[in-house]
């Protein structure tokens, strides 16, 4: 077991799948990070040197990830609600906030709205 980014992971996990499981990192950003550091996306954790893992962890500290990113998003939403902007009103009503059509395609946003209740 290795502790990385505050998570306990087994050594048989592939580096790429672990990075994509982190909130705030997708596939393309995970691949770019691996290329920048010089690691293989499909390498397993136990194959990676501890120096490179520490460098990876240091590099990822410059990103907003996990709870920090969630808090930042919620602060932005609360700010929009507070100033009563158009997007804030749409968010409070559970409707699409970025100009999507609502006659046929607003089911996704409504689904998230009603699943919280």
C-alpha atoms as a PDB file:
ATOM      1  CA  UNK A   1       0.000   0.000   0.000  1.00  0.00           C
ATOM      2  CA  UNK A   2       1.199   3.460  -0.939  1.00  0.00           C
ATOM      3  CA  UNK A   3      -0.299   6.736   0.197  1.00  0.00           C
ATOM      4  CA  UNK A   4      -0.466   9.152  -2.728  1.00  0.00           C
ATOM      5  CA  UNK A   5      -2.498  12.370  -2.831  1.00  0.00           C
ATOM      6  CA  UNK A   6      -4.105  11.381   0.440  1.00  0.00           C
ATOM      7  CA  UNK A   7      -5.307   8.034  -0.908  1.00  0.00           C
ATOM      8  CA  UNK A   8      -4.190   4.518  -0.128  1.00  0.00           C
ATOM      9  CA  UNK A   9      -3.540   2.649  -3.349  1.00  0.00           C
ATOM     10  CA  UNK A  10      -2.197  -0.798  -4.065  1.00  0.00           C
ATOM     11  CA  UNK A  11       1.026  -1.157  -5.982  1.00  0.00           C
ATOM     12  CA  UNK A  12      -0.601  -3.113  -8.822  1.00  0.00           C
ATOM     13  CA  UNK A  13      -2.715  -0.143  -9.942  1.00  0.00           C
ATOM     14  CA  UNK A  14      -1.728   1.448 -13.240  1.00  0.00           C
ATOM     15  CA  UNK A  15      -0.573   5.030 -12.977  1.00  0.00           C
ATOM     16  CA  UNK A  16      -2.931   6.292 -15.681  1.00  0.00           C
ATOM     17  CA  UNK A  17      -6.049   4.756 -14.177  1.00  0.00           C
ATOM     18  CA  UNK A  18      -5.144   6.177 -10.792  1.00  0.00           C
ATOM     19  CA  UNK A  19      -4.648   9.677 -12.174  1.00  0.00           C
ATOM     20  CA  UNK A  20      -7.965   9.622 -14.023  1.00  0.00           C
ATOM     21  CA  UNK A  21      -9.733   8.585 -10.818  1.00  0.00           C
ATOM     22  CA  UNK A  22      -8.598  11.807  -9.146  1.00  0.00           C
ATOM     23  CA  UNK A  23     -11.345  14.456  -9.204  1.00  0.00           C
ATOM     24  CA  UNK A  24     -10.186  17.196 -11.554  1.00  0.00           C
ATOM     25  CA  UNK A  25      -7.969  15.103 -13.824  1.00  0.00           C
ATOM     26  CA  UNK A  26      -9.303  13.522 -16.969  1.00  0.00           C
ATOM     27  CA  UNK A  27      -7.741  11.221 -19.493  1.00  0.00           C
ATOM     28  CA  UNK A  28      -6.034  13.851 -21.622  1.00  0.00           C
ATOM     29  CA  UNK A  29      -4.590  15.784 -18.689  1.00  0.00           C
ATOM     30  CA  UNK A  30      -3.351  12.531 -17.142  1.00  0.00           C
ATOM     31  CA  UNK A  31      -1.568  11.597 -20.361  1.00  0.00           C
ATOM     32  CA  UNK A  32       0.002  15.069 -20.609  1.00  0.00           C
ATOM     33  CA  UNK A  33       1.225  14.890 -17.019  1.00  0.00           C
ATOM     34  CA  UNK A  34       2.745  11.446 -17.566  1.00  0.00           C
ATOM     35  CA  UNK A  35       4.523  12.631 -20.722  1.00  0.00           C
ATOM     36  CA  UNK A  36       5.809  15.766 -18.984  1.00  0.00           C
ATOM     37  CA  UNK A  37       7.294  13.784 -16.118  1.00  0.00           C
ATOM     38  CA  UNK A  38       8.568  11.021 -18.400  1.00  0.00           C
ATOM     39  CA  UNK A  39       6.408   8.197 -17.134  1.00  0.00           C
ATOM     40  CA  UNK A  40       4.439   5.630 -19.072  1.00  0.00           C
ATOM     41  CA  UNK A  41       0.671   6.029 -18.776  1.00  0.00           C
ATOM     42  CA  UNK A  42       0.259   2.255 -18.506  1.00  0.00           C
ATOM     43  CA  UNK A  43       3.077   1.693 -15.973  1.00  0.00           C
ATOM     44  CA  UNK A  44       2.159   0.110 -12.676  1.00  0.00           C
ATOM     45  CA  UNK A  45       2.894   1.961  -9.463  1.00  0.00           C
ATOM     46  CA  UNK A  46       5.506  -0.530  -8.275  1.00  0.00           C
ATOM     47  CA  UNK A  47       7.485  -0.044 -11.521  1.00  0.00           C
ATOM     48  CA  UNK A  48       7.803   3.716 -10.978  1.00  0.00           C
ATOM     49  CA  UNK A  49      10.782   5.008  -9.028  1.00  0.00           C
ATOM     50  CA  UNK A  50      10.040   6.701  -5.716  1.00  0.00           C
ATOM     51  CA  UNK A  51      11.849   9.857  -6.895  1.00  0.00           C
ATOM     52  CA  UNK A  52       9.510  10.188  -9.857  1.00  0.00           C
ATOM     53  CA  UNK A  53       6.470   9.567  -7.641  1.00  0.00           C
ATOM     54  CA  UNK A  54       7.576  12.326  -5.280  1.00  0.00           C
ATOM     55  CA  UNK A  55       8.135  14.634  -8.274  1.00  0.00           C
ATOM     56  CA  UNK A  56       4.674  13.723  -9.582  1.00  0.00           C
ATOM     57  CA  UNK A  57       3.124  14.518  -6.229  1.00  0.00           C
ATOM     58  CA  UNK A  58       4.992  17.825  -6.069  1.00  0.00           C
ATOM     59  CA  UNK A  59       3.868  18.642  -9.634  1.00  0.00           C
ATOM     60  CA  UNK A  60       0.213  17.829  -8.873  1.00  0.00           C
ATOM     61  CA  UNK A  61       0.234  20.218  -5.917  1.00  0.00           C
ATOM     62  CA  UNK A  62       0.081  23.081  -8.438  1.00  0.00           C
ATOM     63  CA  UNK A  63      -3.333  21.822  -9.644  1.00  0.00           C
ATOM     64  CA  UNK A  64      -6.681  22.372  -7.955  1.00  0.00           C
ATOM     65  CA  UNK A  65      -7.797  18.815  -7.214  1.00  0.00           C
ATOM     66  CA  UNK A  66     -10.264  16.902  -5.072  1.00  0.00           C
ATOM     67  CA  UNK A  67     -11.798  18.895  -2.197  1.00  0.00           C
ATOM     68  CA  UNK A  68     -10.069  22.166  -3.138  1.00  0.00           C
ATOM     69  CA  UNK A  69     -11.599  22.040  -6.622  1.00  0.00           C
ATOM     70  CA  UNK A  70     -15.039  21.143  -5.250  1.00  0.00           C
ATOM     71  CA  UNK A  71     -14.855  24.032  -2.782  1.00  0.00           C
ATOM     72  CA  UNK A  72     -13.772  26.430  -5.545  1.00  0.00           C
ATOM     73  CA  UNK A  73     -16.702  25.384  -7.755  1.00  0.00           C
ATOM     74  CA  UNK A  74     -19.197  25.742  -4.903  1.00  0.00           C
ATOM     75  CA  UNK A  75     -17.816  29.190  -4.049  1.00  0.00           C
ATOM     76  CA  UNK A  76     -18.298  30.285  -7.670  1.00  0.00           C
ATOM     77  CA  UNK A  77     -21.877  29.011  -7.678  1.00  0.00           C
ATOM     78  CA  UNK A  78     -22.645  30.723  -4.363  1.00  0.00           C
ATOM     79  CA  UNK A  79     -21.154  33.969  -5.700  1.00  0.00           C
ATOM     80  CA  UNK A  80     -23.384  33.807  -8.784  1.00  0.00           C
ATOM     81  CA  UNK A  81     -26.403  33.160  -6.585  1.00  0.00           C
ATOM     82  CA  UNK A  82     -25.470  36.034  -4.265  1.00  0.00           C
ATOM     83  CA  UNK A  83     -25.137  38.627  -7.025  1.00  0.00           C
ATOM     84  CA  UNK A  84     -28.317  37.274  -8.639  1.00  0.00           C
ATOM     85  CA  UNK A  85     -26.798  36.896 -12.080  1.00  0.00           C
ATOM     86  CA  UNK A  86     -28.672  35.129 -14.855  1.00  0.00           C
ATOM     87  CA  UNK A  87     -26.530  32.025 -14.457  1.00  0.00           C
ATOM     88  CA  UNK A  88     -27.151  32.041 -10.711  1.00  0.00           C
ATOM     89  CA  UNK A  89     -30.907  32.186 -11.214  1.00  0.00           C
ATOM     90  CA  UNK A  90     -30.780  29.350 -13.726  1.00  0.00           C
ATOM     91  CA  UNK A  91     -28.632  27.270 -11.355  1.00  0.00           C
ATOM     92  CA  UNK A  92     -31.042  27.855  -8.483  1.00  0.00           C
ATOM     93  CA  UNK A  93     -33.944  26.701 -10.649  1.00  0.00           C
ATOM     94  CA  UNK A  94     -32.055  23.609 -11.768  1.00  0.00           C
ATOM     95  CA  UNK A  95     -32.070  24.586 -15.428  1.00  0.00           C
ATOM     96  CA  UNK A  96     -29.209  24.751 -17.944  1.00  0.00           C
ATOM     97  CA  UNK A  97     -27.169  27.882 -17.276  1.00  0.00           C
ATOM     98  CA  UNK A  98     -25.100  28.182 -20.452  1.00  0.00           C
ATOM     99  CA  UNK A  99     -27.660  28.657 -23.202  1.00  0.00           C
ATOM    100  CA  UNK A 100     -28.629  25.060 -23.894  1.00  0.00           C
ATOM    101  CA  UNK A 101     -32.131  24.480 -25.192  1.00  0.00           C
ATOM    102  CA  UNK A 102     -34.696  23.426 -22.624  1.00  0.00           C
ATOM    103  CA  UNK A 103     -37.523  22.122 -24.763  1.00  0.00           C
ATOM    104  CA  UNK A 104     -35.887  18.753 -25.365  1.00  0.00           C
ATOM    105  CA  UNK A 105     -32.364  18.605 -23.955  1.00  0.00           C
ATOM    106  CA  UNK A 106     -32.595  19.760 -20.331  1.00  0.00           C
ATOM    107  CA  UNK A 107     -33.207  16.307 -18.884  1.00  0.00           C
ATOM    108  CA  UNK A 108     -29.640  15.880 -17.670  1.00  0.00           C
ATOM    109  CA  UNK A 109     -29.670  19.058 -15.604  1.00  0.00           C
ATOM    110  CA  UNK A 110     -33.146  18.351 -14.282  1.00  0.00           C
ATOM    111  CA  UNK A 111     -32.135  14.805 -13.382  1.00  0.00           C
ATOM    112  CA  UNK A 112     -29.290  16.100 -11.221  1.00  0.00           C
ATOM    113  CA  UNK A 113     -31.595  18.672  -9.649  1.00  0.00           C
ATOM    114  CA  UNK A 114     -34.296  16.220  -8.653  1.00  0.00           C
ATOM    115  CA  UNK A 115     -31.962  13.465  -7.519  1.00  0.00           C
ATOM    116  CA  UNK A 116     -30.657  15.719  -4.716  1.00  0.00           C
ATOM    117  CA  UNK A 117     -34.085  16.019  -3.079  1.00  0.00           C
END
